[in-house]
């Protein structure tokens, strides 16, 4: 996608990339909402398993979303 002469992205290439991102935005937003629900469920499950609030939050913050 980079211009061969100077290594910079052309304006047309940038516009194409932005158009692509805009077309996929609803899917990205939906993915963020689902990930938030998953993180909340993970946090709640850790609390139910006996972890303290602080321990559960540390685990959620430091561990990958999917293990």
PDB file of N, CA and C in Angstrom:
ATOM      1  N   UNK A   1       0.809  -1.189   0.000  1.00  0.00           N
ATOM      2  CA  UNK A   1       0.000   0.000   0.000  1.00  0.00           C
ATOM      3  C   UNK A   1       0.859   1.263   0.000  1.00  0.00           C
ATOM      4  N   UNK A   2       2.115   1.125   0.294  1.00  0.00           N
ATOM      5  CA  UNK A   2       2.975   2.317   0.350  1.00  0.00           C
ATOM      6  C   UNK A   2       3.489   2.677  -1.036  1.00  0.00           C
ATOM      7  N   UNK A   3       3.654   3.960  -1.254  1.00  0.00           N
ATOM      8  CA  UNK A   3       4.209   4.457  -2.505  1.00  0.00           C
ATOM      9  C   UNK A   3       5.653   3.969  -2.613  1.00  0.00           C
ATOM     10  N   UNK A   4       6.007   3.422  -3.753  1.00  0.00           N
ATOM     11  CA  UNK A   4       7.332   2.819  -3.920  1.00  0.00           C
ATOM     12  C   UNK A   4       8.464   3.854  -3.903  1.00  0.00           C
ATOM     13  N   UNK A   5       8.179   5.084  -4.286  1.00  0.00           N
ATOM     14  CA  UNK A   5       9.221   6.096  -4.400  1.00  0.00           C
ATOM     15  C   UNK A   5       9.671   6.610  -3.037  1.00  0.00           C
ATOM     16  N   UNK A   6       8.713   7.018  -2.189  1.00  0.00           N
ATOM     17  CA  UNK A   6       9.106   7.632  -0.921  1.00  0.00           C
ATOM     18  C   UNK A   6       8.608   6.873   0.313  1.00  0.00           C
ATOM     19  N   UNK A   7       7.944   5.745   0.121  1.00  0.00           N
ATOM     20  CA  UNK A   7       7.492   4.945   1.249  1.00  0.00           C
ATOM     21  C   UNK A   7       6.268   5.486   1.955  1.00  0.00           C
ATOM     22  N   UNK A   8       5.665   6.550   1.441  1.00  0.00           N
ATOM     23  CA  UNK A   8       4.494   7.149   2.079  1.00  0.00           C
ATOM     24  C   UNK A   8       3.217   6.613   1.450  1.00  0.00           C
ATOM     25  N   UNK A   9       2.162   6.576   2.235  1.00  0.00           N
ATOM     26  CA  UNK A   9       0.850   6.169   1.746  1.00  0.00           C
ATOM     27  C   UNK A   9       0.242   7.336   0.984  1.00  0.00           C
ATOM     28  N   UNK A  10      -0.297   7.043  -0.184  1.00  0.00           N
ATOM     29  CA  UNK A  10      -0.916   8.105  -0.975  1.00  0.00           C
ATOM     30  C   UNK A  10      -2.267   8.485  -0.373  1.00  0.00           C
ATOM     31  N   UNK A  11      -2.768   9.640  -0.748  1.00  0.00           N
ATOM     32  CA  UNK A  11      -4.076  10.086  -0.255  1.00  0.00           C
ATOM     33  C   UNK A  11      -5.183   9.123  -0.657  1.00  0.00           C
ATOM     34  N   UNK A  12      -5.112   8.594  -1.862  1.00  0.00           N
ATOM     35  CA  UNK A  12      -6.133   7.643  -2.324  1.00  0.00           C
ATOM     36  C   UNK A  12      -6.084   6.370  -1.487  1.00  0.00           C
ATOM     37  N   UNK A  13      -4.881   5.874  -1.210  1.00  0.00           N
ATOM     38  CA  UNK A  13      -4.747   4.675  -0.384  1.00  0.00           C
ATOM     39  C   UNK A  13      -5.274   4.925   1.023  1.00  0.00           C
ATOM     40  N   UNK A  14      -5.006   6.092   1.555  1.00  0.00           N
ATOM     41  CA  UNK A  14      -5.502   6.438   2.884  1.00  0.00           C
ATOM     42  C   UNK A  14      -7.025   6.511   2.890  1.00  0.00           C
ATOM     43  N   UNK A  15      -7.607   7.121   1.867  1.00  0.00           N
ATOM     44  CA  UNK A  15      -9.064   7.189   1.764  1.00  0.00           C
ATOM     45  C   UNK A  15      -9.674   5.796   1.664  1.00  0.00           C
ATOM     46  N   UNK A  16      -9.037   4.917   0.908  1.00  0.00           N
ATOM     47  CA  UNK A  16      -9.529   3.542   0.777  1.00  0.00           C
ATOM     48  C   UNK A  16      -9.479   2.818   2.121  1.00  0.00           C
ATOM     49  N   UNK A  17      -8.405   3.008   2.869  1.00  0.00           N
ATOM     50  CA  UNK A  17      -8.278   2.380   4.181  1.00  0.00           C
ATOM     51  C   UNK A  17      -9.338   2.914   5.139  1.00  0.00           C
ATOM     52  N   UNK A  18      -9.584   4.213   5.112  1.00  0.00           N
ATOM     53  CA  UNK A  18     -10.607   4.807   5.979  1.00  0.00           C
ATOM     54  C   UNK A  18     -12.000   4.315   5.607  1.00  0.00           C
ATOM     55  N   UNK A  19     -12.284   4.214   4.317  1.00  0.00           N
ATOM     56  CA  UNK A  19     -13.576   3.693   3.870  1.00  0.00           C
ATOM     57  C   UNK A  19     -13.776   2.254   4.345  1.00  0.00           C
ATOM     58  N   UNK A  20     -12.708   1.466   4.278  1.00  0.00           N
ATOM     59  CA  UNK A  20     -12.778   0.081   4.744  1.00  0.00           C
ATOM     60  C   UNK A  20     -13.073   0.027   6.239  1.00  0.00           C
ATOM     61  N   UNK A  21     -12.385   0.859   7.015  1.00  0.00           N
ATOM     62  CA  UNK A  21     -12.619   0.898   8.463  1.00  0.00           C
ATOM     63  C   UNK A  21     -14.045   1.328   8.779  1.00  0.00           C
ATOM     64  N   UNK A  22     -14.544   2.329   8.061  1.00  0.00           N
ATOM     65  CA  UNK A  22     -15.911   2.809   8.286  1.00  0.00           C
ATOM     66  C   UNK A  22     -16.932   1.721   7.999  1.00  0.00           C
ATOM     67  N   UNK A  23     -16.700   0.937   6.955  1.00  0.00           N
ATOM     68  CA  UNK A  23     -17.652  -0.118   6.606  1.00  0.00           C
ATOM     69  C   UNK A  23     -17.659  -1.235   7.649  1.00  0.00           C
ATOM     70  N   UNK A  24     -16.549  -1.419   8.349  1.00  0.00           N
ATOM     71  CA  UNK A  24     -16.447  -2.484   9.351  1.00  0.00           C
ATOM     72  C   UNK A  24     -16.731  -2.001  10.771  1.00  0.00           C
ATOM     73  N   UNK A  25     -16.912  -0.706  10.950  1.00  0.00           N
ATOM     74  CA  UNK A  25     -17.099  -0.130  12.283  1.00  0.00           C
ATOM     75  C   UNK A  25     -18.216  -0.794  13.085  1.00  0.00           C
ATOM     76  N   UNK A  26     -19.394  -1.058  12.516  1.00  0.00           N
ATOM     77  CA  UNK A  26     -20.444  -1.704  13.318  1.00  0.00           C
ATOM     78  C   UNK A  26     -20.011  -3.053  13.902  1.00  0.00           C
ATOM     79  N   UNK A  27     -19.200  -3.791  13.158  1.00  0.00           N
ATOM     80  CA  UNK A  27     -18.732  -5.085  13.642  1.00  0.00           C
ATOM     81  C   UNK A  27     -17.716  -4.913  14.766  1.00  0.00           C
ATOM     82  N   UNK A  28     -16.856  -3.911  14.653  1.00  0.00           N
ATOM     83  CA  UNK A  28     -15.900  -3.628  15.724  1.00  0.00           C
ATOM     84  C   UNK A  28     -16.627  -3.216  17.003  1.00  0.00           C
ATOM     85  N   UNK A  29     -17.653  -2.397  16.868  1.00  0.00           N
ATOM     86  CA  UNK A  29     -18.427  -1.952  18.033  1.00  0.00           C
ATOM     87  C   UNK A  29     -19.125  -3.136  18.688  1.00  0.00           C
ATOM     88  N   UNK A  30     -19.695  -4.010  17.875  1.00  0.00           N
ATOM     89  CA  UNK A  30     -20.358  -5.203  18.412  1.00  0.00           C
ATOM     90  C   UNK A  30     -19.346  -6.096  19.132  1.00  0.00           C
ATOM     91  N   UNK A  31     -18.154  -6.223  18.584  1.00  0.00           N
ATOM     92  CA  UNK A  31     -17.113  -7.033  19.202  1.00  0.00           C
ATOM     93  C   UNK A  31     -16.702  -6.465  20.561  1.00  0.00           C
ATOM     94  N   UNK A  32     -16.583  -5.147  20.653  1.00  0.00           N
ATOM     95  CA  UNK A  32     -16.223  -4.508  21.926  1.00  0.00           C
ATOM     96  C   UNK A  32     -17.293  -4.786  22.980  1.00  0.00           C
ATOM     97  N   UNK A  33     -18.561  -4.697  22.579  1.00  0.00           N
ATOM     98  CA  UNK A  33     -19.660  -4.950  23.517  1.00  0.00           C
ATOM     99  C   UNK A  33     -19.634  -6.397  24.006  1.00  0.00           C
ATOM    100  N   UNK A  34     -19.362  -7.334  23.117  1.00  0.00           N
ATOM    101  CA  UNK A  34     -19.292  -8.741  23.516  1.00  0.00           C
ATOM    102  C   UNK A  34     -18.095  -9.002  24.428  1.00  0.00           C
ATOM    103  N   UNK A  35     -16.963  -8.382  24.126  1.00  0.00           N
ATOM    104  CA  UNK A  35     -15.785  -8.539  24.983  1.00  0.00           C
ATOM    105  C   UNK A  35     -16.037  -7.973  26.377  1.00  0.00           C
ATOM    106  N   UNK A  36     -16.766  -6.869  26.465  1.00  0.00           N
ATOM    107  CA  UNK A  36     -17.094  -6.287  27.768  1.00  0.00           C
ATOM    108  C   UNK A  36     -17.949  -7.250  28.582  1.00  0.00           C
ATOM    109  N   UNK A  37     -18.924  -7.884  27.934  1.00  0.00           N
ATOM    110  CA  UNK A  37     -19.770  -8.861  28.627  1.00  0.00           C
ATOM    111  C   UNK A  37     -18.947 -10.051  29.105  1.00  0.00           C
ATOM    112  N   UNK A  38     -18.002 -10.477  28.279  1.00  0.00           N
ATOM    113  CA  UNK A  38     -17.140 -11.591  28.654  1.00  0.00           C
ATOM    114  C   UNK A  38     -16.262 -11.228  29.846  1.00  0.00           C
ATOM    115  N   UNK A  39     -15.688 -10.031  29.842  1.00  0.00           N
ATOM    116  CA  UNK A  39     -14.865  -9.596  30.974  1.00  0.00           C
ATOM    117  C   UNK A  39     -15.681  -9.519  32.259  1.00  0.00           C
ATOM    118  N   UNK A  40     -16.906  -9.008  32.163  1.00  0.00           N
ATOM    119  CA  UNK A  40     -17.777  -8.916  33.337  1.00  0.00           C
ATOM    120  C   UNK A  40     -18.117 -10.307  33.856  1.00  0.00           C
ATOM    121  N   UNK A  41     -18.409 -11.232  32.953  1.00  0.00           N
ATOM    122  CA  UNK A  41     -18.720 -12.606  33.359  1.00  0.00           C
ATOM    123  C   UNK A  41     -17.511 -13.264  34.020  1.00  0.00           C
ATOM    124  N   UNK A  42     -16.326 -13.002  33.484  1.00  0.00           N
ATOM    125  CA  UNK A  42     -15.100 -13.549  34.069  1.00  0.00           C
ATOM    126  C   UNK A  42     -14.893 -12.993  35.476  1.00  0.00           C
ATOM    127  N   UNK A  43     -15.060 -11.689  35.624  1.00  0.00           N
ATOM    128  CA  UNK A  43     -14.915 -11.038  36.929  1.00  0.00           C
ATOM    129  C   UNK A  43     -15.923 -11.611  37.929  1.00  0.00           C
ATOM    130  N   UNK A  44     -17.184 -11.700  37.528  1.00  0.00           N
ATOM    131  CA  UNK A  44     -18.225 -12.231  38.414  1.00  0.00           C
ATOM    132  C   UNK A  44     -17.954 -13.681  38.796  1.00  0.00           C
ATOM    133  N   UNK A  45     -17.461 -14.469  37.854  1.00  0.00           N
ATOM    134  CA  UNK A  45     -17.141 -15.869  38.140  1.00  0.00           C
ATOM    135  C   UNK A  45     -16.003 -15.984  39.147  1.00  0.00           C
ATOM    136  N   UNK A  46     -15.033 -15.111  39.026  1.00  0.00           N
ATOM    137  CA  UNK A  46     -13.928 -15.117  39.988  1.00  0.00           C
ATOM    138  C   UNK A  46     -14.424 -14.760  41.385  1.00  0.00           C
ATOM    139  N   UNK A  47     -15.321 -13.796  41.476  1.00  0.00           N
ATOM    140  CA  UNK A  47     -15.906 -13.449  42.775  1.00  0.00           C
ATOM    141  C   UNK A  47     -16.682 -14.627  43.342  1.00  0.00           C
ATOM    142  N   UNK A  48     -17.468 -15.287  42.492  1.00  0.00           N
ATOM    143  CA  UNK A  48     -18.242 -16.455  42.928  1.00  0.00           C
ATOM    144  C   UNK A  48     -17.340 -17.594  43.389  1.00  0.00           C
ATOM    145  N   UNK A  49     -16.129 -17.662  42.817  1.00  0.00           N
ATOM    146  CA  UNK A  49     -15.177 -18.705  43.190  1.00  0.00           C
ATOM    147  C   UNK A  49     -14.430 -18.374  44.474  1.00  0.00           C
ATOM    148  N   UNK A  50     -14.672 -17.183  45.034  1.00  0.00           N
ATOM    149  CA  UNK A  50     -14.068 -16.839  46.309  1.00  0.00           C
ATOM    150  C   UNK A  50     -12.940 -15.825  46.257  1.00  0.00           C
ATOM    151  N   UNK A  51     -12.627 -15.316  45.094  1.00  0.00           N
ATOM    152  CA  UNK A  51     -11.601 -14.282  45.008  1.00  0.00           C
ATOM    153  C   UNK A  51     -12.155 -12.966  45.547  1.00  0.00           C
ATOM    154  N   UNK A  52     -11.272 -12.156  46.104  1.00  0.00           N
ATOM    155  CA  UNK A  52     -11.690 -10.828  46.555  1.00  0.00           C
ATOM    156  C   UNK A  52     -11.890  -9.929  45.333  1.00  0.00           C
ATOM    157  N   UNK A  53     -12.515  -8.761  45.558  1.00  0.00           N
ATOM    158  CA  UNK A  53     -12.694  -7.800  44.466  1.00  0.00           C
ATOM    159  C   UNK A  53     -11.351  -7.446  43.830  1.00  0.00           C
ATOM    160  N   UNK A  54     -10.371  -7.171  44.678  1.00  0.00           N
ATOM    161  CA  UNK A  54      -9.055  -6.768  44.177  1.00  0.00           C
ATOM    162  C   UNK A  54      -8.382  -7.897  43.403  1.00  0.00           C
ATOM    163  N   UNK A  55      -8.449  -9.121  43.930  1.00  0.00           N
ATOM    164  CA  UNK A  55      -7.848 -10.254  43.235  1.00  0.00           C
ATOM    165  C   UNK A  55      -8.513 -10.488  41.878  1.00  0.00           C
ATOM    166  N   UNK A  56      -9.840 -10.450  41.875  1.00  0.00           N
ATOM    167  CA  UNK A  56     -10.580 -10.673  40.626  1.00  0.00           C
ATOM    168  C   UNK A  56     -10.224  -9.605  39.596  1.00  0.00           C
ATOM    169  N   UNK A  57     -10.162  -8.365  40.026  1.00  0.00           N
ATOM    170  CA  UNK A  57      -9.833  -7.277  39.100  1.00  0.00           C
ATOM    171  C   UNK A  57      -8.414  -7.429  38.563  1.00  0.00           C
ATOM    172  N   UNK A  58      -7.476  -7.808  39.430  1.00  0.00           N
ATOM    173  CA  UNK A  58      -6.097  -8.011  38.980  1.00  0.00           C
ATOM    174  C   UNK A  58      -6.015  -9.124  37.942  1.00  0.00           C
ATOM    175  N   UNK A  59      -6.749 -10.210  38.163  1.00  0.00           N
ATOM    176  CA  UNK A  59      -6.747 -11.322  37.207  1.00  0.00           C
ATOM    177  C   UNK A  59      -7.339 -10.872  35.876  1.00  0.00           C
ATOM    178  N   UNK A  60      -8.458 -10.175  35.925  1.00  0.00           N
ATOM    179  CA  UNK A  60      -9.108  -9.712  34.692  1.00  0.00           C
ATOM    180  C   UNK A  60      -8.200  -8.738  33.943  1.00  0.00           C
ATOM    181  N   UNK A  61      -7.504  -7.873  34.672  1.00  0.00           N
ATOM    182  CA  UNK A  61      -6.646  -6.868  34.034  1.00  0.00           C
ATOM    183  C   UNK A  61      -5.376  -7.468  33.435  1.00  0.00           C
ATOM    184  N   UNK A  62      -4.863  -8.531  34.036  1.00  0.00           N
ATOM    185  CA  UNK A  62      -3.545  -9.018  33.632  1.00  0.00           C
ATOM    186  C   UNK A  62      -3.569 -10.275  32.775  1.00  0.00           C
ATOM    187  N   UNK A  63      -4.680 -10.974  32.750  1.00  0.00           N
ATOM    188  CA  UNK A  63      -4.755 -12.218  31.980  1.00  0.00           C
ATOM    189  C   UNK A  63      -5.416 -11.968  30.626  1.00  0.00           C
ATOM    190  N   UNK A  64      -5.111 -12.800  29.641  1.00  0.00           N
ATOM    191  CA  UNK A  64      -5.751 -12.639  28.328  1.00  0.00           C
ATOM    192  C   UNK A  64      -7.263 -12.845  28.404  1.00  0.00           C
ATOM    193  N   UNK A  65      -7.959 -12.284  27.456  1.00  0.00           N
ATOM    194  CA  UNK A  65      -9.410 -12.423  27.417  1.00  0.00           C
ATOM    195  C   UNK A  65      -9.800 -13.884  27.255  1.00  0.00           C
ATOM    196  N   UNK A  66      -9.108 -14.589  26.373  1.00  0.00           N
ATOM    197  CA  UNK A  66      -9.379 -16.016  26.138  1.00  0.00           C
ATOM    198  C   UNK A  66      -8.169 -16.818  26.578  1.00  0.00           C
ATOM    199  N   UNK A  67      -8.414 -17.789  27.450  1.00  0.00           N
ATOM    200  CA  UNK A  67      -7.309 -18.655  27.892  1.00  0.00           C
ATOM    201  C   UNK A  67      -7.652 -20.088  27.603  1.00  0.00           C
TER     202      UNK A  67
END
